[in-house]
Amino acid sequence: MEAIPAKLIYPDIDPVEFTERYLNAYRRTRPLDETNMAYYLTFRNIMALIDGTQGHVVLGHPEVVKMLLASIYEISGVKIKMPGFDLLILLNGYI
């Protein structure tokens, strides 16, 4: 589990370590039931994809979209195809 856009915004910060530090700090204040964590992480990644398609600058960046798609697949086993993704990249000037 990791913060996807952080890889691009803060390349010197290890997002996995950052997330673990946050979760450990949270666990010191209250118990954390991790039963549904994969579901919520996948849901958040899907919502981020939607935000990206609706014009969010960071979440719509091709590298972030690729990371979100990979994360969703890694967690859930579901491969999402985004028709027109290459066209979106071209129209937004990323290639």
C-alpha atoms as a PDB file:
ATOM      1  CA  MET A   1       0.000   0.000   0.000  1.00  0.00           C
ATOM      2  CA  GLU A   2       1.406   3.388  -0.925  1.00  0.00           C
ATOM      3  CA  ALA A   3       0.576   6.925  -1.921  1.00  0.00           C
ATOM      4  CA  ILE A   4       0.697   6.862  -5.708  1.00  0.00           C
ATOM      5  CA  PRO A   5       1.256  10.538  -6.726  1.00  0.00           C
ATOM      6  CA  ALA A   6       3.897  10.962  -4.029  1.00  0.00           C
ATOM      7  CA  LYS A   7       6.314   8.982  -6.215  1.00  0.00           C
ATOM      8  CA  LEU A   8       6.237  11.756  -8.791  1.00  0.00           C
ATOM      9  CA  ILE A   9       5.872  14.752  -6.513  1.00  0.00           C
ATOM     10  CA  TYR A  10       8.476  13.711  -3.933  1.00  0.00           C
ATOM     11  CA  PRO A  11      10.802  11.245  -5.674  1.00  0.00           C
ATOM     12  CA  ASP A  12      13.243  11.155  -2.736  1.00  0.00           C
ATOM     13  CA  ILE A  13      10.597   9.940  -0.284  1.00  0.00           C
ATOM     14  CA  ASP A  14       9.896   6.218  -0.087  1.00  0.00           C
ATOM     15  CA  PRO A  15       6.073   6.097  -0.286  1.00  0.00           C
ATOM     16  CA  VAL A  16       5.883   2.625   1.251  1.00  0.00           C
ATOM     17  CA  GLU A  17       7.963   3.715   4.260  1.00  0.00           C
ATOM     18  CA  PHE A  18       5.956   6.946   4.558  1.00  0.00           C
ATOM     19  CA  THR A  19       2.659   5.029   4.539  1.00  0.00           C
ATOM     20  CA  GLU A  20       3.912   2.519   7.100  1.00  0.00           C
ATOM     21  CA  ARG A  21       5.073   5.326   9.388  1.00  0.00           C
ATOM     22  CA  TYR A  22       1.642   6.936   9.140  1.00  0.00           C
ATOM     23  CA  LEU A  23      -0.152   3.669   9.846  1.00  0.00           C
ATOM     24  CA  ASN A  24       2.112   2.919  12.803  1.00  0.00           C
ATOM     25  CA  ALA A  25       1.420   6.371  14.244  1.00  0.00           C
ATOM     26  CA  TYR A  26      -2.315   5.832  13.723  1.00  0.00           C
ATOM     27  CA  ARG A  27      -2.165   2.429  15.434  1.00  0.00           C
ATOM     28  CA  ARG A  28      -0.595   4.063  18.496  1.00  0.00           C
ATOM     29  CA  THR A  29      -3.724   6.189  18.910  1.00  0.00           C
ATOM     30  CA  ARG A  30      -6.410   3.580  18.160  1.00  0.00           C
ATOM     31  CA  PRO A  31      -6.787   0.058  16.836  1.00  0.00           C
ATOM     32  CA  LEU A  32      -6.865  -0.382  13.084  1.00  0.00           C
ATOM     33  CA  ASP A  33      -8.973  -3.162  11.587  1.00  0.00           C
ATOM     34  CA  GLU A  34      -7.184  -3.998   8.349  1.00  0.00           C
ATOM     35  CA  THR A  35      -9.822  -6.502   7.201  1.00  0.00           C
ATOM     36  CA  ASN A  36     -11.155  -4.255   4.438  1.00  0.00           C
ATOM     37  CA  MET A  37      -8.036  -2.178   3.762  1.00  0.00           C
ATOM     38  CA  ALA A  38      -7.486  -3.695   0.288  1.00  0.00           C
ATOM     39  CA  TYR A  39     -11.086  -2.870  -0.653  1.00  0.00           C
ATOM     40  CA  TYR A  40     -10.763   0.752   0.446  1.00  0.00           C
ATOM     41  CA  LEU A  41      -7.365   1.198  -1.208  1.00  0.00           C
ATOM     42  CA  THR A  42      -8.736  -0.181  -4.477  1.00  0.00           C
ATOM     43  CA  PHE A  43     -11.815   2.032  -4.158  1.00  0.00           C
ATOM     44  CA  ARG A  44      -9.616   5.090  -3.537  1.00  0.00           C
ATOM     45  CA  ASN A  45      -7.460   4.260  -6.550  1.00  0.00           C
ATOM     46  CA  ILE A  46     -10.567   3.954  -8.748  1.00  0.00           C
ATOM     47  CA  MET A  47     -11.844   7.298  -7.472  1.00  0.00           C
ATOM     48  CA  ALA A  48      -8.428   8.803  -8.255  1.00  0.00           C
ATOM     49  CA  LEU A  49      -8.686   7.447 -11.816  1.00  0.00           C
ATOM     50  CA  ILE A  50     -12.078   9.085 -12.155  1.00  0.00           C
ATOM     51  CA  ASP A  51     -10.706  12.377 -10.795  1.00  0.00           C
ATOM     52  CA  GLY A  52      -7.875  12.138 -13.324  1.00  0.00           C
ATOM     53  CA  THR A  53     -10.291  11.712 -16.219  1.00  0.00           C
ATOM     54  CA  GLN A  54     -12.193  14.756 -15.005  1.00  0.00           C
ATOM     55  CA  GLY A  55      -9.209  17.074 -15.223  1.00  0.00           C
ATOM     56  CA  HIS A  56      -7.243  16.665 -11.961  1.00  0.00           C
ATOM     57  CA  VAL A  57      -3.737  17.676 -13.054  1.00  0.00           C
ATOM     58  CA  VAL A  58      -1.717  15.231 -10.932  1.00  0.00           C
ATOM     59  CA  LEU A  59      -4.126  12.291 -11.038  1.00  0.00           C
ATOM     60  CA  GLY A  60      -4.541  12.688 -14.796  1.00  0.00           C
ATOM     61  CA  HIS A  61      -0.797  12.545 -15.460  1.00  0.00           C
ATOM     62  CA  PRO A  62      -0.011   9.447 -17.563  1.00  0.00           C
ATOM     63  CA  GLU A  63       2.576   8.113 -15.105  1.00  0.00           C
ATOM     64  CA  VAL A  64       0.112   8.419 -12.219  1.00  0.00           C
ATOM     65  CA  VAL A  65      -2.646   6.749 -14.256  1.00  0.00           C
ATOM     66  CA  LYS A  66      -0.280   3.856 -15.026  1.00  0.00           C
ATOM     67  CA  MET A  67       0.593   3.546 -11.322  1.00  0.00           C
ATOM     68  CA  LEU A  68      -3.071   3.604 -10.313  1.00  0.00           C
ATOM     69  CA  LEU A  69      -3.958   0.931 -12.872  1.00  0.00           C
ATOM     70  CA  ALA A  70      -1.042  -1.234 -11.721  1.00  0.00           C
ATOM     71  CA  SER A  71      -2.007  -0.810  -8.071  1.00  0.00           C
ATOM     72  CA  ILE A  72      -5.630  -1.757  -8.745  1.00  0.00           C
ATOM     73  CA  TYR A  73      -4.490  -4.862 -10.617  1.00  0.00           C
ATOM     74  CA  GLU A  74      -1.951  -5.810  -7.935  1.00  0.00           C
ATOM     75  CA  ILE A  75      -4.517  -5.533  -5.139  1.00  0.00           C
ATOM     76  CA  SER A  76      -7.661  -6.863  -6.808  1.00  0.00           C
ATOM     77  CA  GLY A  77      -6.524  -8.849  -9.837  1.00  0.00           C
ATOM     78  CA  VAL A  78      -8.819  -6.707 -11.996  1.00  0.00           C
ATOM     79  CA  LYS A  79      -7.229  -5.240 -15.110  1.00  0.00           C
ATOM     80  CA  ILE A  80      -8.874  -1.987 -16.151  1.00  0.00           C
ATOM     81  CA  LYS A  81      -8.589  -0.918 -19.763  1.00  0.00           C
ATOM     82  CA  MET A  82      -9.047   2.765 -20.447  1.00  0.00           C
ATOM     83  CA  PRO A  83     -10.218   3.309 -24.025  1.00  0.00           C
ATOM     84  CA  GLY A  84      -8.770   6.483 -25.424  1.00  0.00           C
ATOM     85  CA  PHE A  85      -5.977   6.700 -22.841  1.00  0.00           C
ATOM     86  CA  ASP A  86      -3.350   7.161 -25.569  1.00  0.00           C
ATOM     87  CA  LEU A  87      -5.495   9.873 -27.168  1.00  0.00           C
ATOM     88  CA  LEU A  88      -5.899  11.586 -23.791  1.00  0.00           C
ATOM     89  CA  ILE A  89      -2.112  11.611 -23.369  1.00  0.00           C
ATOM     90  CA  LEU A  90      -1.689  13.104 -26.840  1.00  0.00           C
ATOM     91  CA  LEU A  91      -4.378  15.774 -26.354  1.00  0.00           C
ATOM     92  CA  ASN A  92      -2.941  16.846 -23.025  1.00  0.00           C
ATOM     93  CA  GLY A  93       0.512  17.248 -24.558  1.00  0.00           C
ATOM     94  CA  TYR A  94       2.270  14.455 -22.652  1.00  0.00           C
ATOM     95  CA  ILE A  95       3.748  12.957 -25.830  1.00  0.00           C
END
